Amino acid sequence: MTARVDHVVTSGTFSLDGGTWDVDNNVWIVGDDSEAIVIDAAHDADAIAAALGDRRLTAIVSTHGHDDHIDAAPALRARTGAPVLLHPDDLMLWKRKHPDASPDGELADGQVVTVAGTDLTVLHTPGHSPGAVCLYAPALGTVFSGDTLFNGGPGATGRSFSDFPTIIASIRDRLLTLPSGTIVRTGHGDSTTIGAEAPHLDEWVARGH
C-alpha cells in the first residue's frame, strides 16, 4: 500500500521574544494502515494520537524548533515510544520550551526518512529559524514546508534567530527548484504548489519581508 497523507489541525499558542499569539497548526501524518510518521507534533497529543489510530508511529519529525511545532512532541513520544527528530541548529529553541527533555535524534540535509516504503528527503532550509527543514516526498508529489514557504510567500523572519535573505535563498535554491506541480503542505494555513509560488519570488524580495 502506498503511503498517504493525513492532516490534523490543532490550536494553541506561539511564544517568542516576550510575545504570545494564538495559532492553528497543520500536523501532517504520512504512512499507510500499519505505520506512520508525524510531521510537527503541535499542541494536542490526544488529537494526533486519535488520528494515528492503531498505527505504529516510527518518528516524530520537527520541521523546526518553535514552540508551536514541538509543544506536544514529548507527550506524543511518551504515548508511542517514537523518537523525536530535530535539526541540531534549532536545539536552543527546543530547550526554551522543553528544558528538561531532548530530541532523540538529529536531522541533517540530505537525510532520508522512510515510512511505508516512501522516502522523504530532508532539505535544510534555514531562515525562519537556523535549523528549519522541509521534507520532500517525490513519490507523493509533495513537500512539507513547515514555516519556510506558505501559500503567498516566505515564513516570518521578524523575530529572533530569523533572517530574510537566508529564507529567500533557501526557498529559491531548495524549494523553487522542485517540479512545479509539487504540492506544498505548509505549517499553517492552506496548501499551495511550487508553480503557484515561484513567479512571486522577485516581489517577495522587493517587499523585503
N, C-alpha and C. Protein backbone atom coordinates (compact mmCIF):
# COMPACT_ATOMS: atom_id res chain seq x y z
N MET A 1 0.85 -1.20 0.00
CA MET A 1 0.00 0.00 0.00
C MET A 1 0.88 1.25 0.00
N THR A 2 0.57 2.16 -0.90
CA THR A 2 1.33 3.41 -0.96
C THR A 2 1.01 4.30 0.24
N ALA A 3 2.00 5.02 0.69
CA ALA A 3 1.77 5.95 1.79
C ALA A 3 0.75 7.01 1.38
N ARG A 4 0.01 7.47 2.34
CA ARG A 4 -0.94 8.56 2.13
C ARG A 4 -0.64 9.67 3.13
N VAL A 5 -1.25 10.81 2.91
CA VAL A 5 -1.04 11.96 3.79
C VAL A 5 -2.35 12.27 4.50
N ASP A 6 -2.33 12.22 5.81
CA ASP A 6 -3.47 12.64 6.62
C ASP A 6 -3.13 13.97 7.29
N HIS A 7 -4.16 14.68 7.69
CA HIS A 7 -3.99 16.08 8.12
C HIS A 7 -4.85 16.34 9.35
N VAL A 8 -4.23 16.91 10.37
CA VAL A 8 -4.94 17.33 11.58
C VAL A 8 -4.59 18.79 11.82
N VAL A 9 -5.57 19.60 12.18
CA VAL A 9 -5.32 20.98 12.58
C VAL A 9 -5.48 21.07 14.10
N THR A 10 -4.45 21.57 14.76
CA THR A 10 -4.50 21.74 16.21
C THR A 10 -4.32 23.22 16.54
N SER A 11 -4.81 23.61 17.68
CA SER A 11 -4.79 25.02 18.08
C SER A 11 -4.07 25.21 19.41
N GLY A 12 -3.35 26.32 19.50
CA GLY A 12 -2.63 26.64 20.72
C GLY A 12 -2.00 28.01 20.61
N THR A 13 -0.80 28.15 21.17
CA THR A 13 -0.13 29.45 21.14
C THR A 13 1.31 29.28 20.65
N PHE A 14 1.85 30.38 20.16
CA PHE A 14 3.26 30.50 19.80
C PHE A 14 3.83 31.64 20.61
N SER A 15 4.95 31.38 21.29
CA SER A 15 5.59 32.41 22.11
C SER A 15 7.06 32.55 21.74
N LEU A 16 7.48 33.80 21.58
CA LEU A 16 8.89 34.11 21.33
C LEU A 16 9.09 35.61 21.54
N ASP A 17 10.26 35.97 22.01
CA ASP A 17 10.62 37.38 22.19
C ASP A 17 9.63 38.13 23.08
N GLY A 18 9.05 37.44 24.06
CA GLY A 18 8.17 38.09 25.01
C GLY A 18 6.72 38.24 24.57
N GLY A 19 6.39 37.79 23.38
CA GLY A 19 5.01 37.86 22.91
C GLY A 19 4.41 36.48 22.77
N THR A 20 3.08 36.41 22.83
CA THR A 20 2.36 35.16 22.65
C THR A 20 1.19 35.39 21.71
N TRP A 21 1.03 34.48 20.74
CA TRP A 21 -0.03 34.60 19.74
C TRP A 21 -0.81 33.30 19.63
N ASP A 22 -2.11 33.40 19.40
CA ASP A 22 -2.92 32.22 19.13
C ASP A 22 -2.65 31.75 17.70
N VAL A 23 -2.47 30.44 17.54
CA VAL A 23 -2.16 29.89 16.22
C VAL A 23 -2.89 28.57 16.00
N ASP A 24 -3.19 28.30 14.74
CA ASP A 24 -3.65 26.99 14.30
C ASP A 24 -2.51 26.35 13.49
N ASN A 25 -2.18 25.13 13.81
CA ASN A 25 -1.06 24.44 13.16
C ASN A 25 -1.53 23.24 12.35
N ASN A 26 -0.88 23.03 11.22
CA ASN A 26 -1.09 21.81 10.45
C ASN A 26 -0.16 20.72 10.96
N VAL A 27 -0.75 19.59 11.30
CA VAL A 27 0.01 18.39 11.66
C VAL A 27 -0.19 17.39 10.53
N TRP A 28 0.91 16.94 9.95
CA TRP A 28 0.85 16.02 8.81
C TRP A 28 1.26 14.63 9.25
N ILE A 29 0.45 13.66 8.86
CA ILE A 29 0.72 12.25 9.16
C ILE A 29 0.92 11.52 7.84
N VAL A 30 2.09 10.93 7.66
CA VAL A 30 2.42 10.24 6.42
C VAL A 30 2.63 8.77 6.73
N GLY A 31 1.92 7.90 6.01
CA GLY A 31 2.10 6.47 6.24
C GLY A 31 1.02 5.66 5.55
N ASP A 32 0.90 4.40 5.99
CA ASP A 32 -0.15 3.53 5.46
C ASP A 32 -1.00 3.05 6.63
N ASP A 33 -1.64 1.89 6.50
CA ASP A 33 -2.52 1.42 7.56
C ASP A 33 -1.78 0.83 8.74
N SER A 34 -0.46 0.59 8.59
CA SER A 34 0.26 -0.06 9.68
C SER A 34 1.28 0.84 10.37
N GLU A 35 1.88 1.78 9.62
CA GLU A 35 2.89 2.63 10.24
C GLU A 35 2.81 4.04 9.67
N ALA A 36 3.35 4.99 10.45
CA ALA A 36 3.27 6.40 10.03
C ALA A 36 4.35 7.20 10.73
N ILE A 37 4.62 8.38 10.18
CA ILE A 37 5.39 9.40 10.88
C ILE A 37 4.48 10.61 11.08
N VAL A 38 4.79 11.40 12.08
CA VAL A 38 4.12 12.68 12.32
C VAL A 38 5.11 13.79 12.02
N ILE A 39 4.67 14.76 11.21
CA ILE A 39 5.46 15.95 10.95
C ILE A 39 4.87 17.09 11.77
N ASP A 40 5.61 17.52 12.79
CA ASP A 40 5.25 18.61 13.70
C ASP A 40 4.13 18.23 14.66
N ALA A 41 4.54 17.80 15.84
CA ALA A 41 3.59 17.44 16.90
C ALA A 41 3.18 18.70 17.65
N ALA A 42 2.13 19.35 17.13
CA ALA A 42 1.72 20.66 17.62
C ALA A 42 0.54 20.55 18.58
N HIS A 43 0.70 21.09 19.76
CA HIS A 43 -0.36 21.47 20.69
C HIS A 43 -1.11 20.32 21.37
N ASP A 44 -1.51 19.27 20.65
CA ASP A 44 -2.53 18.36 21.16
C ASP A 44 -2.16 16.92 20.85
N ALA A 45 -1.45 16.28 21.78
CA ALA A 45 -1.04 14.89 21.57
C ALA A 45 -2.24 13.96 21.45
N ASP A 46 -3.33 14.27 22.16
CA ASP A 46 -4.51 13.40 22.10
C ASP A 46 -5.12 13.40 20.71
N ALA A 47 -5.24 14.58 20.10
CA ALA A 47 -5.83 14.67 18.76
C ALA A 47 -4.94 13.98 17.73
N ILE A 48 -3.64 14.11 17.88
CA ILE A 48 -2.72 13.46 16.95
C ILE A 48 -2.79 11.95 17.11
N ALA A 49 -2.81 11.49 18.35
CA ALA A 49 -2.90 10.04 18.60
C ALA A 49 -4.20 9.47 18.07
N ALA A 50 -5.28 10.23 18.19
CA ALA A 50 -6.56 9.77 17.66
C ALA A 50 -6.51 9.61 16.15
N ALA A 51 -5.82 10.53 15.48
CA ALA A 51 -5.70 10.44 14.02
C ALA A 51 -4.79 9.29 13.61
N LEU A 52 -3.83 8.96 14.44
CA LEU A 52 -2.96 7.82 14.15
C LEU A 52 -3.69 6.50 14.29
N GLY A 53 -4.62 6.44 15.23
CA GLY A 53 -5.31 5.19 15.49
C GLY A 53 -4.35 4.15 16.03
N ASP A 54 -4.42 2.92 15.48
CA ASP A 54 -3.56 1.85 16.00
C ASP A 54 -2.30 1.67 15.17
N ARG A 55 -1.99 2.65 14.32
CA ARG A 55 -0.77 2.56 13.54
C ARG A 55 0.47 2.75 14.41
N ARG A 56 1.55 2.11 14.02
CA ARG A 56 2.81 2.28 14.74
C ARG A 56 3.47 3.57 14.28
N LEU A 57 3.77 4.44 15.25
CA LEU A 57 4.43 5.70 14.93
C LEU A 57 5.93 5.47 14.95
N THR A 58 6.59 5.70 13.81
CA THR A 58 8.01 5.39 13.71
C THR A 58 8.91 6.60 13.96
N ALA A 59 8.36 7.82 13.81
CA ALA A 59 9.16 9.02 14.09
C ALA A 59 8.25 10.22 14.23
N ILE A 60 8.68 11.17 15.04
CA ILE A 60 8.06 12.48 15.17
C ILE A 60 9.09 13.47 14.61
N VAL A 61 8.82 13.98 13.42
CA VAL A 61 9.78 14.83 12.72
C VAL A 61 9.39 16.29 12.91
N SER A 62 10.32 17.09 13.38
CA SER A 62 10.07 18.50 13.66
C SER A 62 10.68 19.35 12.54
N THR A 63 9.84 20.15 11.86
CA THR A 63 10.39 21.00 10.80
C THR A 63 11.24 22.12 11.36
N HIS A 64 10.99 22.51 12.61
CA HIS A 64 11.84 23.49 13.29
C HIS A 64 11.49 23.51 14.76
N GLY A 65 12.20 24.33 15.53
CA GLY A 65 12.10 24.26 16.97
C GLY A 65 11.18 25.27 17.64
N HIS A 66 10.40 26.04 16.89
CA HIS A 66 9.47 26.96 17.53
C HIS A 66 8.45 26.19 18.36
N ASP A 67 8.04 26.79 19.48
CA ASP A 67 7.29 26.02 20.46
C ASP A 67 5.96 25.49 19.93
N ASP A 68 5.35 26.20 18.99
CA ASP A 68 4.05 25.73 18.50
C ASP A 68 4.18 24.49 17.62
N HIS A 69 5.38 24.15 17.20
CA HIS A 69 5.58 22.95 16.37
C HIS A 69 6.11 21.76 17.17
N ILE A 70 6.52 21.99 18.40
CA ILE A 70 7.12 20.91 19.21
C ILE A 70 6.48 20.74 20.57
N ASP A 71 5.46 21.56 20.89
CA ASP A 71 5.00 21.55 22.28
C ASP A 71 4.39 20.21 22.70
N ALA A 72 3.80 19.45 21.75
CA ALA A 72 3.21 18.16 22.10
C ALA A 72 4.15 16.99 21.83
N ALA A 73 5.37 17.27 21.36
CA ALA A 73 6.26 16.18 20.98
C ALA A 73 6.63 15.25 22.14
N PRO A 74 7.02 15.76 23.32
CA PRO A 74 7.35 14.83 24.40
C PRO A 74 6.15 13.98 24.84
N ALA A 75 4.96 14.57 24.86
CA ALA A 75 3.78 13.80 25.26
C ALA A 75 3.46 12.72 24.23
N LEU A 76 3.60 13.05 22.95
CA LEU A 76 3.34 12.05 21.91
C LEU A 76 4.41 10.96 21.95
N ARG A 77 5.64 11.34 22.22
CA ARG A 77 6.71 10.35 22.37
C ARG A 77 6.42 9.42 23.54
N ALA A 78 5.95 9.97 24.64
CA ALA A 78 5.66 9.15 25.81
C ALA A 78 4.54 8.14 25.53
N ARG A 79 3.58 8.54 24.70
CA ARG A 79 2.47 7.64 24.37
C ARG A 79 2.85 6.56 23.40
N THR A 80 3.77 6.87 22.48
CA THR A 80 4.01 5.98 21.35
C THR A 80 5.39 5.34 21.34
N GLY A 81 6.33 5.92 22.06
CA GLY A 81 7.71 5.44 22.01
C GLY A 81 8.48 5.89 20.79
N ALA A 82 7.86 6.72 19.94
CA ALA A 82 8.52 7.16 18.71
C ALA A 82 9.59 8.19 19.01
N PRO A 83 10.72 8.14 18.31
CA PRO A 83 11.77 9.14 18.53
C PRO A 83 11.40 10.49 17.93
N VAL A 84 11.83 11.55 18.61
CA VAL A 84 11.65 12.91 18.11
C VAL A 84 12.93 13.33 17.40
N LEU A 85 12.78 13.83 16.17
CA LEU A 85 13.92 14.23 15.35
C LEU A 85 13.87 15.73 15.09
N LEU A 86 15.02 16.41 15.23
CA LEU A 86 15.11 17.86 15.08
C LEU A 86 16.49 18.20 14.54
N HIS A 87 16.57 19.22 13.69
CA HIS A 87 17.88 19.68 13.24
C HIS A 87 18.61 20.33 14.42
N PRO A 88 19.88 20.01 14.63
CA PRO A 88 20.58 20.49 15.83
C PRO A 88 20.70 22.01 15.92
N ASP A 89 20.61 22.72 14.80
CA ASP A 89 20.70 24.17 14.86
C ASP A 89 19.51 24.81 15.55
N ASP A 90 18.45 24.04 15.78
CA ASP A 90 17.28 24.56 16.49
C ASP A 90 17.15 24.02 17.91
N LEU A 91 18.19 23.37 18.39
CA LEU A 91 18.11 22.80 19.74
C LEU A 91 17.90 23.89 20.78
N MET A 92 18.48 25.07 20.56
CA MET A 92 18.32 26.15 21.54
C MET A 92 16.86 26.60 21.64
N LEU A 93 16.11 26.53 20.53
CA LEU A 93 14.69 26.85 20.58
C LEU A 93 13.92 25.76 21.30
N TRP A 94 14.23 24.51 21.01
CA TRP A 94 13.60 23.39 21.71
C TRP A 94 13.77 23.54 23.23
N LYS A 95 14.98 23.86 23.65
CA LYS A 95 15.27 23.92 25.09
C LYS A 95 14.52 25.05 25.79
N ARG A 96 14.11 26.06 25.06
CA ARG A 96 13.29 27.12 25.66
C ARG A 96 11.93 26.57 26.08
N LYS A 97 11.42 25.61 25.31
CA LYS A 97 10.11 25.03 25.61
C LYS A 97 10.24 23.81 26.51
N HIS A 98 11.25 23.00 26.26
CA HIS A 98 11.41 21.73 26.97
C HIS A 98 12.82 21.66 27.58
N PRO A 99 13.09 22.45 28.64
CA PRO A 99 14.45 22.49 29.19
C PRO A 99 14.91 21.16 29.77
N ASP A 100 13.96 20.31 30.15
CA ASP A 100 14.32 19.05 30.80
C ASP A 100 14.16 17.85 29.88
N ALA A 101 13.93 18.08 28.61
CA ALA A 101 13.80 16.98 27.65
C ALA A 101 14.64 17.31 26.42
N SER A 102 15.01 16.27 25.70
CA SER A 102 15.81 16.47 24.49
C SER A 102 15.23 15.65 23.35
N PRO A 103 15.47 16.08 22.12
CA PRO A 103 15.11 15.22 20.98
C PRO A 103 15.94 13.93 21.03
N ASP A 104 15.48 12.93 20.29
CA ASP A 104 16.17 11.63 20.30
C ASP A 104 17.17 11.49 19.17
N GLY A 105 17.03 12.31 18.14
CA GLY A 105 17.93 12.21 17.00
C GLY A 105 17.98 13.51 16.24
N GLU A 106 19.00 13.63 15.40
CA GLU A 106 19.21 14.86 14.63
C GLU A 106 18.79 14.66 13.18
N LEU A 107 18.27 15.73 12.59
CA LEU A 107 18.00 15.77 11.16
C LEU A 107 19.17 16.46 10.46
N ALA A 108 19.52 15.97 9.29
CA ALA A 108 20.61 16.55 8.52
C ALA A 108 20.19 16.67 7.07
N ASP A 109 20.73 17.68 6.39
CA ASP A 109 20.42 17.88 4.98
C ASP A 109 20.76 16.62 4.19
N GLY A 110 19.82 16.19 3.36
CA GLY A 110 20.04 15.00 2.55
C GLY A 110 19.65 13.70 3.21
N GLN A 111 19.39 13.74 4.51
CA GLN A 111 18.93 12.54 5.22
C GLN A 111 17.60 12.07 4.63
N VAL A 112 17.39 10.77 4.62
CA VAL A 112 16.14 10.22 4.10
C VAL A 112 15.39 9.52 5.23
N VAL A 113 14.16 9.94 5.45
CA VAL A 113 13.25 9.30 6.39
C VAL A 113 12.29 8.45 5.56
N THR A 114 12.22 7.16 5.86
CA THR A 114 11.38 6.26 5.08
C THR A 114 10.24 5.75 5.94
N VAL A 115 9.03 5.81 5.40
CA VAL A 115 7.86 5.27 6.08
C VAL A 115 6.95 4.65 5.03
N ALA A 116 6.45 3.46 5.32
CA ALA A 116 5.54 2.77 4.41
C ALA A 116 6.11 2.69 2.99
N GLY A 117 7.42 2.47 2.90
CA GLY A 117 8.07 2.33 1.61
C GLY A 117 8.24 3.62 0.84
N THR A 118 7.97 4.74 1.49
CA THR A 118 8.05 6.05 0.84
C THR A 118 9.17 6.87 1.46
N ASP A 119 10.04 7.43 0.62
CA ASP A 119 11.18 8.22 1.09
C ASP A 119 10.82 9.69 1.17
N LEU A 120 11.20 10.32 2.29
CA LEU A 120 11.11 11.76 2.46
C LEU A 120 12.52 12.28 2.70
N THR A 121 12.98 13.15 1.82
CA THR A 121 14.33 13.68 1.92
C THR A 121 14.32 15.00 2.69
N VAL A 122 15.22 15.10 3.66
CA VAL A 122 15.34 16.31 4.48
C VAL A 122 16.08 17.37 3.68
N LEU A 123 15.47 18.54 3.55
CA LEU A 123 16.10 19.71 2.93
C LEU A 123 16.31 20.75 4.03
N HIS A 124 17.56 21.06 4.33
CA HIS A 124 17.82 22.10 5.33
C HIS A 124 17.53 23.46 4.69
N THR A 125 16.56 24.17 5.24
CA THR A 125 16.10 25.44 4.66
C THR A 125 16.08 26.52 5.73
N PRO A 126 17.24 26.96 6.21
CA PRO A 126 17.27 27.97 7.27
C PRO A 126 16.70 29.30 6.80
N GLY A 127 16.34 30.11 7.79
CA GLY A 127 15.80 31.44 7.51
C GLY A 127 14.71 31.80 8.51
N HIS A 128 13.65 30.98 8.54
CA HIS A 128 12.63 31.17 9.57
C HIS A 128 13.23 30.86 10.94
N SER A 129 14.08 29.85 10.95
CA SER A 129 14.92 29.53 12.11
C SER A 129 16.19 28.87 11.56
N PRO A 130 17.25 28.80 12.35
CA PRO A 130 18.51 28.28 11.82
C PRO A 130 18.43 26.82 11.39
N GLY A 131 17.62 26.04 12.11
CA GLY A 131 17.53 24.61 11.83
C GLY A 131 16.27 24.19 11.10
N ALA A 132 15.62 25.12 10.45
CA ALA A 132 14.38 24.78 9.73
C ALA A 132 14.68 23.79 8.61
N VAL A 133 13.79 22.82 8.45
CA VAL A 133 13.90 21.85 7.36
C VAL A 133 12.55 21.69 6.67
N CYS A 134 12.62 21.23 5.42
CA CYS A 134 11.45 20.78 4.69
C CYS A 134 11.66 19.30 4.37
N LEU A 135 10.58 18.59 4.10
CA LEU A 135 10.66 17.17 3.77
C LEU A 135 10.02 16.96 2.41
N TYR A 136 10.81 16.46 1.47
CA TYR A 136 10.36 16.30 0.09
C TYR A 136 10.11 14.82 -0.19
N ALA A 137 8.88 14.52 -0.59
CA ALA A 137 8.49 13.15 -0.92
C ALA A 137 8.10 13.09 -2.40
N PRO A 138 9.07 12.84 -3.28
CA PRO A 138 8.76 12.86 -4.72
C PRO A 138 7.70 11.86 -5.12
N ALA A 139 7.67 10.70 -4.47
CA ALA A 139 6.66 9.69 -4.82
C ALA A 139 5.25 10.16 -4.53
N LEU A 140 5.12 11.08 -3.59
CA LEU A 140 3.80 11.64 -3.25
C LEU A 140 3.57 12.99 -3.93
N GLY A 141 4.59 13.50 -4.64
CA GLY A 141 4.45 14.79 -5.31
C GLY A 141 4.24 15.93 -4.36
N THR A 142 4.88 15.85 -3.19
CA THR A 142 4.63 16.87 -2.18
C THR A 142 5.89 17.21 -1.40
N VAL A 143 5.92 18.43 -0.87
CA VAL A 143 6.95 18.84 0.06
C VAL A 143 6.27 19.43 1.29
N PHE A 144 6.73 19.01 2.45
CA PHE A 144 6.21 19.54 3.72
C PHE A 144 7.14 20.68 4.12
N SER A 145 6.61 21.90 4.06
CA SER A 145 7.48 23.08 4.10
C SER A 145 7.60 23.72 5.49
N GLY A 146 6.92 23.17 6.49
CA GLY A 146 6.98 23.81 7.80
C GLY A 146 6.59 25.27 7.68
N ASP A 147 7.40 26.15 8.26
CA ASP A 147 7.13 27.59 8.17
C ASP A 147 8.11 28.29 7.22
N THR A 148 8.72 27.52 6.30
CA THR A 148 9.64 28.13 5.34
C THR A 148 8.90 28.78 4.19
N LEU A 149 7.91 28.08 3.63
CA LEU A 149 7.15 28.62 2.50
C LEU A 149 5.67 28.38 2.73
N PHE A 150 4.90 29.45 2.56
CA PHE A 150 3.45 29.39 2.73
C PHE A 150 2.73 29.67 1.41
N ASN A 151 1.43 29.49 1.43
CA ASN A 151 0.57 29.94 0.35
C ASN A 151 0.60 31.46 0.38
N GLY A 152 1.42 32.06 -0.49
CA GLY A 152 1.52 33.51 -0.50
C GLY A 152 2.89 34.07 -0.15
N GLY A 153 3.84 33.20 0.19
CA GLY A 153 5.17 33.75 0.41
C GLY A 153 5.95 33.08 1.51
N PRO A 154 7.11 33.68 1.83
CA PRO A 154 8.01 33.10 2.83
C PRO A 154 7.43 33.17 4.24
N GLY A 155 7.96 32.31 5.10
CA GLY A 155 7.64 32.38 6.51
C GLY A 155 8.19 33.66 7.13
N ALA A 156 7.71 33.95 8.32
CA ALA A 156 8.09 35.19 9.02
C ALA A 156 9.57 35.18 9.39
N THR A 157 10.19 36.35 9.31
CA THR A 157 11.59 36.48 9.70
C THR A 157 11.82 37.68 10.61
N GLY A 158 10.78 38.13 11.29
CA GLY A 158 10.90 39.33 12.09
C GLY A 158 11.30 39.11 13.53
N ARG A 159 11.53 37.85 13.91
CA ARG A 159 11.84 37.58 15.31
C ARG A 159 13.22 36.97 15.45
N SER A 160 13.61 36.72 16.67
CA SER A 160 14.96 36.22 16.95
C SER A 160 15.27 34.96 16.16
N PHE A 161 16.52 34.86 15.75
CA PHE A 161 17.06 33.68 15.05
C PHE A 161 16.52 33.54 13.63
N SER A 162 15.83 34.55 13.11
CA SER A 162 15.30 34.53 11.75
C SER A 162 16.11 35.50 10.88
N ASP A 163 16.09 35.23 9.56
CA ASP A 163 16.83 36.10 8.65
C ASP A 163 16.19 36.06 7.28
N PHE A 164 15.79 37.22 6.76
CA PHE A 164 15.06 37.27 5.49
C PHE A 164 15.91 36.85 4.29
N PRO A 165 17.12 37.40 4.09
CA PRO A 165 17.91 36.94 2.94
C PRO A 165 18.17 35.44 2.96
N THR A 166 18.31 34.87 4.17
CA THR A 166 18.56 33.43 4.28
C THR A 166 17.36 32.63 3.85
N ILE A 167 16.15 33.02 4.28
CA ILE A 167 14.96 32.26 3.89
C ILE A 167 14.70 32.39 2.39
N ILE A 168 14.98 33.56 1.82
CA ILE A 168 14.82 33.72 0.37
C ILE A 168 15.76 32.78 -0.38
N ALA A 169 17.01 32.69 0.09
CA ALA A 169 17.96 31.79 -0.55
C ALA A 169 17.52 30.34 -0.42
N SER A 170 17.00 29.98 0.75
CA SER A 170 16.52 28.61 0.94
C SER A 170 15.38 28.28 0.00
N ILE A 171 14.41 29.20 -0.11
CA ILE A 171 13.27 28.96 -0.98
C ILE A 171 13.71 28.90 -2.44
N ARG A 172 14.54 29.85 -2.84
CA ARG A 172 14.98 29.91 -4.24
C ARG A 172 15.78 28.67 -4.63
N ASP A 173 16.70 28.26 -3.77
CA ASP A 173 17.66 27.22 -4.14
C ASP A 173 17.18 25.80 -3.83
N ARG A 174 16.32 25.66 -2.82
CA ARG A 174 15.95 24.31 -2.36
C ARG A 174 14.52 23.94 -2.71
N LEU A 175 13.61 24.93 -2.78
CA LEU A 175 12.20 24.61 -2.99
C LEU A 175 11.73 24.94 -4.40
N LEU A 176 12.04 26.12 -4.90
CA LEU A 176 11.54 26.50 -6.22
C LEU A 176 12.19 25.71 -7.34
N THR A 177 13.21 24.93 -7.02
CA THR A 177 13.83 24.03 -7.99
C THR A 177 13.08 22.70 -8.09
N LEU A 178 12.12 22.46 -7.22
CA LEU A 178 11.32 21.24 -7.28
C LEU A 178 10.32 21.34 -8.44
N PRO A 179 9.79 20.21 -8.91
CA PRO A 179 8.81 20.25 -10.01
C PRO A 179 7.64 21.17 -9.68
N SER A 180 7.17 21.91 -10.69
CA SER A 180 6.17 22.96 -10.45
C SER A 180 4.87 22.41 -9.89
N GLY A 181 4.55 21.16 -10.19
CA GLY A 181 3.31 20.59 -9.68
C GLY A 181 3.38 20.09 -8.25
N THR A 182 4.55 20.20 -7.63
CA THR A 182 4.72 19.72 -6.26
C THR A 182 3.80 20.46 -5.31
N ILE A 183 3.01 19.71 -4.56
CA ILE A 183 2.11 20.31 -3.56
C ILE A 183 2.94 20.71 -2.34
N VAL A 184 2.76 21.95 -1.91
CA VAL A 184 3.45 22.46 -0.72
C VAL A 184 2.48 22.39 0.46
N ARG A 185 2.76 21.46 1.36
CA ARG A 185 1.93 21.31 2.56
C ARG A 185 2.61 22.06 3.69
N THR A 186 1.96 23.10 4.15
CA THR A 186 2.59 24.11 4.99
C THR A 186 2.34 23.86 6.48
N GLY A 187 3.06 24.62 7.31
CA GLY A 187 2.90 24.50 8.75
C GLY A 187 1.64 25.17 9.28
N HIS A 188 1.13 26.14 8.54
CA HIS A 188 -0.10 26.84 8.90
C HIS A 188 -0.84 27.17 7.61
N GLY A 189 -2.16 27.17 7.65
CA GLY A 189 -2.94 27.64 6.52
C GLY A 189 -3.05 26.64 5.39
N ASP A 190 -3.45 27.15 4.22
CA ASP A 190 -3.76 26.31 3.08
C ASP A 190 -2.51 25.87 2.34
N SER A 191 -2.63 24.71 1.70
CA SER A 191 -1.56 24.23 0.83
C SER A 191 -1.49 25.07 -0.44
N THR A 192 -0.39 24.90 -1.17
CA THR A 192 -0.20 25.58 -2.44
C THR A 192 0.63 24.67 -3.33
N THR A 193 1.19 25.17 -4.40
CA THR A 193 2.12 24.40 -5.22
C THR A 193 3.37 25.23 -5.49
N ILE A 194 4.44 24.55 -5.85
CA ILE A 194 5.66 25.25 -6.23
C ILE A 194 5.39 26.18 -7.40
N GLY A 195 4.62 25.70 -8.38
CA GLY A 195 4.34 26.51 -9.56
C GLY A 195 3.55 27.76 -9.26
N ALA A 196 2.69 27.69 -8.24
CA ALA A 196 1.89 28.87 -7.87
C ALA A 196 2.73 29.92 -7.17
N GLU A 197 3.77 29.50 -6.47
CA GLU A 197 4.57 30.44 -5.68
C GLU A 197 5.78 30.98 -6.44
N ALA A 198 6.35 30.16 -7.31
CA ALA A 198 7.62 30.53 -7.96
C ALA A 198 7.60 31.88 -8.68
N PRO A 199 6.52 32.27 -9.37
CA PRO A 199 6.55 33.55 -10.10
C PRO A 199 6.65 34.77 -9.20
N HIS A 200 6.46 34.60 -7.90
CA HIS A 200 6.37 35.75 -6.99
C HIS A 200 7.66 36.03 -6.24
N LEU A 201 8.72 35.28 -6.55
CA LEU A 201 9.97 35.44 -5.79
C LEU A 201 10.47 36.88 -5.82
N ASP A 202 10.48 37.49 -6.98
CA ASP A 202 11.02 38.85 -7.09
C ASP A 202 10.21 39.84 -6.27
N GLU A 203 8.89 39.67 -6.23
CA GLU A 203 8.09 40.62 -5.44
C GLU A 203 8.32 40.41 -3.94
N TRP A 204 8.55 39.17 -3.51
CA TRP A 204 8.88 38.96 -2.11
C TRP A 204 10.18 39.67 -1.75
N VAL A 205 11.16 39.54 -2.62
CA VAL A 205 12.45 40.20 -2.38
C VAL A 205 12.27 41.71 -2.34
N ALA A 206 11.48 42.24 -3.26
CA ALA A 206 11.25 43.70 -3.31
C ALA A 206 10.54 44.18 -2.06
N ARG A 207 9.63 43.34 -1.55
CA ARG A 207 8.88 43.69 -0.34
C ARG A 207 9.80 43.63 0.88
N GLY A 208 10.73 42.71 0.84
CA GLY A 208 11.75 42.66 1.87
C GLY A 208 11.34 42.07 3.20
N HIS A 209 10.25 41.29 3.21
CA HIS A 209 9.86 40.61 4.45
C HIS A 209 8.93 39.48 4.11
